[in-house]
């Protein structure tokens, strides 16, 4: 399986946000379960001085080594 172009683009955006210090961990609510989840987000201030938060990934609650298999 190859990595889709959209994922690669999002990764580049996230790298840029890290370089600029525009990244935050944000506690959100899972729509399906109503439970709190922590998301890795890019943060941007608009010209109107409003804050926009763009979620990129959910953090693991458990041990990721127990949930994922590495590529073979």
PDB file of N, CA and C in Angstrom:
ATOM      1  N   UNK A   1       0.843  -1.181   0.000  1.00  0.00           N
ATOM      2  CA  UNK A   1       0.000   0.000   0.000  1.00  0.00           C
ATOM      3  C   UNK A   1       0.886   1.241   0.000  1.00  0.00           C
ATOM      4  N   UNK A   2       0.613   2.141  -0.892  1.00  0.00           N
ATOM      5  CA  UNK A   2       1.371   3.398  -0.893  1.00  0.00           C
ATOM      6  C   UNK A   2       0.597   4.452  -0.105  1.00  0.00           C
ATOM      7  N   UNK A   3       1.302   5.446   0.354  1.00  0.00           N
ATOM      8  CA  UNK A   3       0.690   6.514   1.142  1.00  0.00           C
ATOM      9  C   UNK A   3       0.063   7.526   0.188  1.00  0.00           C
ATOM     10  N   UNK A   4      -1.207   7.828   0.403  1.00  0.00           N
ATOM     11  CA  UNK A   4      -1.957   8.734  -0.464  1.00  0.00           C
ATOM     12  C   UNK A   4      -1.371  10.140  -0.446  1.00  0.00           C
ATOM     13  N   UNK A   5      -1.521  10.844  -1.558  1.00  0.00           N
ATOM     14  CA  UNK A   5      -0.994  12.204  -1.699  1.00  0.00           C
ATOM     15  C   UNK A   5      -1.558  13.145  -0.643  1.00  0.00           C
ATOM     16  N   UNK A   6      -2.823  12.977  -0.285  1.00  0.00           N
ATOM     17  CA  UNK A   6      -3.429  13.842   0.730  1.00  0.00           C
ATOM     18  C   UNK A   6      -2.758  13.707   2.084  1.00  0.00           C
ATOM     19  N   UNK A   7      -2.389  12.464   2.448  1.00  0.00           N
ATOM     20  CA  UNK A   7      -1.670  12.254   3.709  1.00  0.00           C
ATOM     21  C   UNK A   7      -0.293  12.924   3.659  1.00  0.00           C
ATOM     22  N   UNK A   8       0.365  12.811   2.518  1.00  0.00           N
ATOM     23  CA  UNK A   8       1.687  13.437   2.380  1.00  0.00           C
ATOM     24  C   UNK A   8       1.581  14.959   2.484  1.00  0.00           C
ATOM     25  N   UNK A   9       0.547  15.521   1.877  1.00  0.00           N
ATOM     26  CA  UNK A   9       0.327  16.963   1.944  1.00  0.00           C
ATOM     27  C   UNK A   9       0.046  17.401   3.380  1.00  0.00           C
ATOM     28  N   UNK A  10      -0.805  16.650   4.081  1.00  0.00           N
ATOM     29  CA  UNK A  10      -1.091  16.972   5.476  1.00  0.00           C
ATOM     30  C   UNK A  10       0.166  16.871   6.335  1.00  0.00           C
ATOM     31  N   UNK A  11       1.013  15.891   6.056  1.00  0.00           N
ATOM     32  CA  UNK A  11       2.261  15.734   6.797  1.00  0.00           C
ATOM     33  C   UNK A  11       3.160  16.950   6.584  1.00  0.00           C
ATOM     34  N   UNK A  12       3.256  17.444   5.360  1.00  0.00           N
ATOM     35  CA  UNK A  12       4.069  18.634   5.082  1.00  0.00           C
ATOM     36  C   UNK A  12       3.504  19.855   5.812  1.00  0.00           C
ATOM     37  N   UNK A  13       2.177  19.979   5.845  1.00  0.00           N
ATOM     38  CA  UNK A  13       1.546  21.081   6.574  1.00  0.00           C
ATOM     39  C   UNK A  13       1.870  20.979   8.058  1.00  0.00           C
ATOM     40  N   UNK A  14       1.809  19.777   8.601  1.00  0.00           N
ATOM     41  CA  UNK A  14       2.106  19.568  10.013  1.00  0.00           C
ATOM     42  C   UNK A  14       3.574  19.864  10.324  1.00  0.00           C
ATOM     43  N   UNK A  15       4.486  19.455   9.430  1.00  0.00           N
ATOM     44  CA  UNK A  15       5.910  19.767   9.629  1.00  0.00           C
ATOM     45  C   UNK A  15       6.121  21.275   9.682  1.00  0.00           C
ATOM     46  N   UNK A  16       5.469  21.987   8.777  1.00  0.00           N
ATOM     47  CA  UNK A  16       5.579  23.442   8.751  1.00  0.00           C
ATOM     48  C   UNK A  16       5.032  24.057  10.038  1.00  0.00           C
ATOM     49  N   UNK A  17       3.912  23.525  10.527  1.00  0.00           N
ATOM     50  CA  UNK A  17       3.339  24.033  11.773  1.00  0.00           C
ATOM     51  C   UNK A  17       4.300  23.811  12.936  1.00  0.00           C
ATOM     52  N   UNK A  18       4.966  22.649  12.970  1.00  0.00           N
ATOM     53  CA  UNK A  18       5.962  22.404  14.024  1.00  0.00           C
ATOM     54  C   UNK A  18       7.118  23.398  13.913  1.00  0.00           C
ATOM     55  N   UNK A  19       7.599  23.629  12.704  1.00  0.00           N
ATOM     56  CA  UNK A  19       8.705  24.580  12.500  1.00  0.00           C
ATOM     57  C   UNK A  19       8.342  25.972  13.003  1.00  0.00           C
ATOM     58  N   UNK A  20       7.062  26.352  12.854  1.00  0.00           N
ATOM     59  CA  UNK A  20       6.606  27.689  13.246  1.00  0.00           C
ATOM     60  C   UNK A  20       6.095  27.758  14.681  1.00  0.00           C
ATOM     61  N   UNK A  21       6.078  26.633  15.379  1.00  0.00           N
ATOM     62  CA  UNK A  21       5.559  26.614  16.739  1.00  0.00           C
ATOM     63  C   UNK A  21       4.045  26.724  16.804  1.00  0.00           C
ATOM     64  N   UNK A  22       3.382  26.330  15.727  1.00  0.00           N
ATOM     65  CA  UNK A  22       1.925  26.455  15.633  1.00  0.00           C
ATOM     66  C   UNK A  22       1.232  25.112  15.786  1.00  0.00           C
ATOM     67  N   UNK A  23       1.635  24.330  16.793  1.00  0.00           N
ATOM     68  CA  UNK A  23       1.071  23.002  17.039  1.00  0.00           C
ATOM     69  C   UNK A  23       0.615  22.942  18.489  1.00  0.00           C
ATOM     70  N   UNK A  24      -0.496  22.241  18.702  1.00  0.00           N
ATOM     71  CA  UNK A  24      -1.011  22.100  20.067  1.00  0.00           C
ATOM     72  C   UNK A  24      -1.677  20.744  20.233  1.00  0.00           C
ATOM     73  N   UNK A  25      -1.676  20.259  21.467  1.00  0.00           N
ATOM     74  CA  UNK A  25      -2.505  19.121  21.834  1.00  0.00           C
ATOM     75  C   UNK A  25      -3.812  19.705  22.350  1.00  0.00           C
ATOM     76  N   UNK A  26      -4.925  19.229  21.791  1.00  0.00           N
ATOM     77  CA  UNK A  26      -6.231  19.788  22.124  1.00  0.00           C
ATOM     78  C   UNK A  26      -7.155  18.657  22.566  1.00  0.00           C
ATOM     79  N   UNK A  27      -7.828  18.845  23.693  1.00  0.00           N
ATOM     80  CA  UNK A  27      -8.817  17.862  24.117  1.00  0.00           C
ATOM     81  C   UNK A  27     -10.119  18.140  23.372  1.00  0.00           C
ATOM     82  N   UNK A  28     -10.570  17.152  22.626  1.00  0.00           N
ATOM     83  CA  UNK A  28     -11.799  17.241  21.835  1.00  0.00           C
ATOM     84  C   UNK A  28     -12.774  16.185  22.337  1.00  0.00           C
ATOM     85  N   UNK A  29     -13.939  16.131  21.717  1.00  0.00           N
ATOM     86  CA  UNK A  29     -14.926  15.110  22.039  1.00  0.00           C
ATOM     87  C   UNK A  29     -15.178  14.259  20.809  1.00  0.00           C
ATOM     88  N   UNK A  30     -15.086  12.953  20.960  1.00  0.00           N
ATOM     89  CA  UNK A  30     -15.367  12.019  19.869  1.00  0.00           C
ATOM     90  C   UNK A  30     -16.866  12.067  19.571  1.00  0.00           C
ATOM     91  N   UNK A  31     -17.234  12.390  18.324  1.00  0.00           N
ATOM     92  CA  UNK A  31     -18.641  12.508  17.958  1.00  0.00           C
ATOM     93  C   UNK A  31     -19.403  11.204  18.159  1.00  0.00           C
ATOM     94  N   UNK A  32     -18.769  10.076  17.872  1.00  0.00           N
ATOM     95  CA  UNK A  32     -19.452   8.783  17.928  1.00  0.00           C
ATOM     96  C   UNK A  32     -19.693   8.312  19.356  1.00  0.00           C
ATOM     97  N   UNK A  33     -18.726   8.575  20.242  1.00  0.00           N
ATOM     98  CA  UNK A  33     -18.819   8.023  21.598  1.00  0.00           C
ATOM     99  C   UNK A  33     -19.124   9.066  22.665  1.00  0.00           C
ATOM    100  N   UNK A  34     -18.849  10.337  22.367  1.00  0.00           N
ATOM    101  CA  UNK A  34     -19.008  11.391  23.363  1.00  0.00           C
ATOM    102  C   UNK A  34     -17.880  11.449  24.369  1.00  0.00           C
ATOM    103  N   UNK A  35     -16.878  10.593  24.181  1.00  0.00           N
ATOM    104  CA  UNK A  35     -15.744  10.538  25.112  1.00  0.00           C
ATOM    105  C   UNK A  35     -14.676  11.553  24.722  1.00  0.00           C
ATOM    106  N   UNK A  36     -13.909  12.035  25.700  1.00  0.00           N
ATOM    107  CA  UNK A  36     -12.815  12.955  25.368  1.00  0.00           C
ATOM    108  C   UNK A  36     -11.681  12.231  24.656  1.00  0.00           C
ATOM    109  N   UNK A  37     -11.099  12.906  23.690  1.00  0.00           N
ATOM    110  CA  UNK A  37      -9.913  12.416  22.983  1.00  0.00           C
ATOM    111  C   UNK A  37      -8.934  13.574  22.848  1.00  0.00           C
ATOM    112  N   UNK A  38      -7.661  13.246  22.765  1.00  0.00           N
ATOM    113  CA  UNK A  38      -6.633  14.267  22.577  1.00  0.00           C
ATOM    114  C   UNK A  38      -6.188  14.219  21.123  1.00  0.00           C
ATOM    115  N   UNK A  39      -6.174  15.387  20.486  1.00  0.00           N
ATOM    116  CA  UNK A  39      -5.805  15.485  19.075  1.00  0.00           C
ATOM    117  C   UNK A  39      -4.583  16.371  18.903  1.00  0.00           C
ATOM    118  N   UNK A  40      -3.751  16.005  17.939  1.00  0.00           N
ATOM    119  CA  UNK A  40      -2.609  16.820  17.530  1.00  0.00           C
ATOM    120  C   UNK A  40      -3.132  17.786  16.483  1.00  0.00           C
ATOM    121  N   UNK A  41      -3.007  19.086  16.738  1.00  0.00           N
ATOM    122  CA  UNK A  41      -3.628  20.099  15.879  1.00  0.00           C
ATOM    123  C   UNK A  41      -2.635  21.176  15.456  1.00  0.00           C
ATOM    124  N   UNK A  42      -2.861  21.695  14.263  1.00  0.00           N
ATOM    125  CA  UNK A  42      -2.176  22.911  13.824  1.00  0.00           C
ATOM    126  C   UNK A  42      -3.059  24.084  14.228  1.00  0.00           C
ATOM    127  N   UNK A  43      -2.431  25.174  14.654  1.00  0.00           N
ATOM    128  CA  UNK A  43      -3.158  26.348  15.127  1.00  0.00           C
ATOM    129  C   UNK A  43      -2.764  27.536  14.261  1.00  0.00           C
ATOM    130  N   UNK A  44      -3.761  28.279  13.826  1.00  0.00           N
ATOM    131  CA  UNK A  44      -3.499  29.438  12.972  1.00  0.00           C
ATOM    132  C   UNK A  44      -4.355  30.603  13.441  1.00  0.00           C
ATOM    133  N   UNK A  45      -3.795  31.802  13.424  1.00  0.00           N
ATOM    134  CA  UNK A  45      -4.559  33.001  13.728  1.00  0.00           C
ATOM    135  C   UNK A  45      -4.922  33.686  12.413  1.00  0.00           C
ATOM    136  N   UNK A  46      -6.213  33.976  12.230  1.00  0.00           N
ATOM    137  CA  UNK A  46      -6.688  34.616  11.005  1.00  0.00           C
ATOM    138  C   UNK A  46      -6.387  36.108  11.055  1.00  0.00           C
ATOM    139  N   UNK A  47      -6.489  36.790   9.912  1.00  0.00           N
ATOM    140  CA  UNK A  47      -6.299  38.251   9.925  1.00  0.00           C
ATOM    141  C   UNK A  47      -7.274  38.966  10.863  1.00  0.00           C
ATOM    142  N   UNK A  48      -8.432  38.342  11.136  1.00  0.00           N
ATOM    143  CA  UNK A  48      -9.416  38.926  12.056  1.00  0.00           C
ATOM    144  C   UNK A  48      -9.091  38.598  13.511  1.00  0.00           C
ATOM    145  N   UNK A  49      -7.926  37.982  13.739  1.00  0.00           N
ATOM    146  CA  UNK A  49      -7.434  37.595  15.059  1.00  0.00           C
ATOM    147  C   UNK A  49      -8.299  36.509  15.701  1.00  0.00           C
ATOM    148  N   UNK A  50      -8.894  35.659  14.874  1.00  0.00           N
ATOM    149  CA  UNK A  50      -9.613  34.476  15.338  1.00  0.00           C
ATOM    150  C   UNK A  50      -8.639  33.303  15.273  1.00  0.00           C
ATOM    151  N   UNK A  51      -8.804  32.337  16.149  1.00  0.00           N
ATOM    152  CA  UNK A  51      -7.934  31.169  16.164  1.00  0.00           C
ATOM    153  C   UNK A  51      -8.629  30.028  15.439  1.00  0.00           C
ATOM    154  N   UNK A  52      -7.933  29.428  14.466  1.00  0.00           N
ATOM    155  CA  UNK A  52      -8.433  28.251  13.763  1.00  0.00           C
ATOM    156  C   UNK A  52      -7.593  27.057  14.187  1.00  0.00           C
ATOM    157  N   UNK A  53      -8.270  25.975  14.559  1.00  0.00           N
ATOM    158  CA  UNK A  53      -7.595  24.756  14.990  1.00  0.00           C
ATOM    159  C   UNK A  53      -7.933  23.663  13.991  1.00  0.00           C
ATOM    160  N   UNK A  54      -6.891  23.057  13.407  1.00  0.00           N
ATOM    161  CA  UNK A  54      -7.084  21.997  12.424  1.00  0.00           C
ATOM    162  C   UNK A  54      -6.522  20.695  12.982  1.00  0.00           C
ATOM    163  N   UNK A  55      -7.400  19.719  13.277  1.00  0.00           N
ATOM    164  CA  UNK A  55      -6.910  18.442  13.808  1.00  0.00           C
ATOM    165  C   UNK A  55      -6.250  17.608  12.711  1.00  0.00           C
ATOM    166  N   UNK A  56      -5.135  16.961  13.068  1.00  0.00           N
ATOM    167  CA  UNK A  56      -4.419  16.108  12.121  1.00  0.00           C
ATOM    168  C   UNK A  56      -4.354  14.652  12.565  1.00  0.00           C
ATOM    169  N   UNK A  57      -4.353  14.416  13.872  1.00  0.00           N
ATOM    170  CA  UNK A  57      -4.226  13.032  14.350  1.00  0.00           C
ATOM    171  C   UNK A  57      -4.775  12.926  15.760  1.00  0.00           C
ATOM    172  N   UNK A  58      -5.308  11.747  16.081  1.00  0.00           N
ATOM    173  CA  UNK A  58      -5.713  11.453  17.452  1.00  0.00           C
ATOM    174  C   UNK A  58      -4.563  10.715  18.130  1.00  0.00           C
ATOM    175  N   UNK A  59      -4.335  11.034  19.384  1.00  0.00           N
ATOM    176  CA  UNK A  59      -3.287  10.372  20.150  1.00  0.00           C
ATOM    177  C   UNK A  59      -3.802   9.013  20.623  1.00  0.00           C
ATOM    178  N   UNK A  60      -2.902   8.070  20.793  1.00  0.00           N
ATOM    179  CA  UNK A  60      -3.247   6.745  21.295  1.00  0.00           C
ATOM    180  C   UNK A  60      -3.563   6.826  22.784  1.00  0.00           C
ATOM    181  N   UNK A  61      -4.596   6.114  23.206  1.00  0.00           N
ATOM    182  CA  UNK A  61      -4.880   6.005  24.637  1.00  0.00           C
ATOM    183  C   UNK A  61      -4.059   4.890  25.265  1.00  0.00           C
ATOM    184  N   UNK A  62      -3.824   3.837  24.490  1.00  0.00           N
ATOM    185  CA  UNK A  62      -3.046   2.703  24.982  1.00  0.00           C
ATOM    186  C   UNK A  62      -1.647   2.722  24.415  1.00  0.00           C
ATOM    187  N   UNK A  63      -1.007   1.585  24.487  1.00  0.00           N
ATOM    188  CA  UNK A  63       0.345   1.428  23.971  1.00  0.00           C
ATOM    189  C   UNK A  63       0.287   1.237  22.451  1.00  0.00           C
ATOM    190  N   UNK A  64       0.818   2.176  21.662  1.00  0.00           N
ATOM    191  CA  UNK A  64       0.724   2.040  20.204  1.00  0.00           C
ATOM    192  C   UNK A  64       1.443   0.797  19.678  1.00  0.00           C
ATOM    193  N   UNK A  65       2.450   0.325  20.413  1.00  0.00           N
ATOM    194  CA  UNK A  65       3.162  -0.877  19.984  1.00  0.00           C
ATOM    195  C   UNK A  65       2.283  -2.117  20.106  1.00  0.00           C
ATOM    196  N   UNK A  66       1.259  -2.027  20.928  1.00  0.00           N
ATOM    197  CA  UNK A  66       0.316  -3.133  21.058  1.00  0.00           C
ATOM    198  C   UNK A  66      -0.836  -3.033  20.051  1.00  0.00           C
ATOM    199  N   UNK A  67      -1.024  -1.839  19.466  1.00  0.00           N
ATOM    200  CA  UNK A  67      -2.137  -1.608  18.552  1.00  0.00           C
ATOM    201  C   UNK A  67      -1.747  -1.668  17.075  1.00  0.00           C
ATOM    202  N   UNK A  68      -0.479  -1.464  16.753  1.00  0.00           N
ATOM    203  CA  UNK A  68      -0.030  -1.366  15.362  1.00  0.00           C
ATOM    204  C   UNK A  68       1.044  -2.395  15.068  1.00  0.00           C
ATOM    205  N   UNK A  69       1.053  -2.836  13.834  1.00  0.00           N
ATOM    206  CA  UNK A  69       2.144  -3.684  13.322  1.00  0.00           C
ATOM    207  C   UNK A  69       2.994  -2.827  12.393  1.00  0.00           C
ATOM    208  N   UNK A  70       4.317  -2.920  12.472  1.00  0.00           N
ATOM    209  CA  UNK A  70       5.170  -2.143  11.560  1.00  0.00           C
ATOM    210  C   UNK A  70       5.043  -2.683  10.138  1.00  0.00           C
ATOM    211  N   UNK A  71       5.440  -1.869   9.142  1.00  0.00           N
ATOM    212  CA  UNK A  71       5.386  -2.352   7.775  1.00  0.00           C
ATOM    213  C   UNK A  71       6.304  -3.560   7.606  1.00  0.00           C
ATOM    214  N   UNK A  72       5.894  -4.470   6.740  1.00  0.00           N
ATOM    215  CA  UNK A  72       6.719  -5.662   6.531  1.00  0.00           C
ATOM    216  C   UNK A  72       7.522  -5.553   5.258  1.00  0.00           C
TER     217      UNK A  72
END
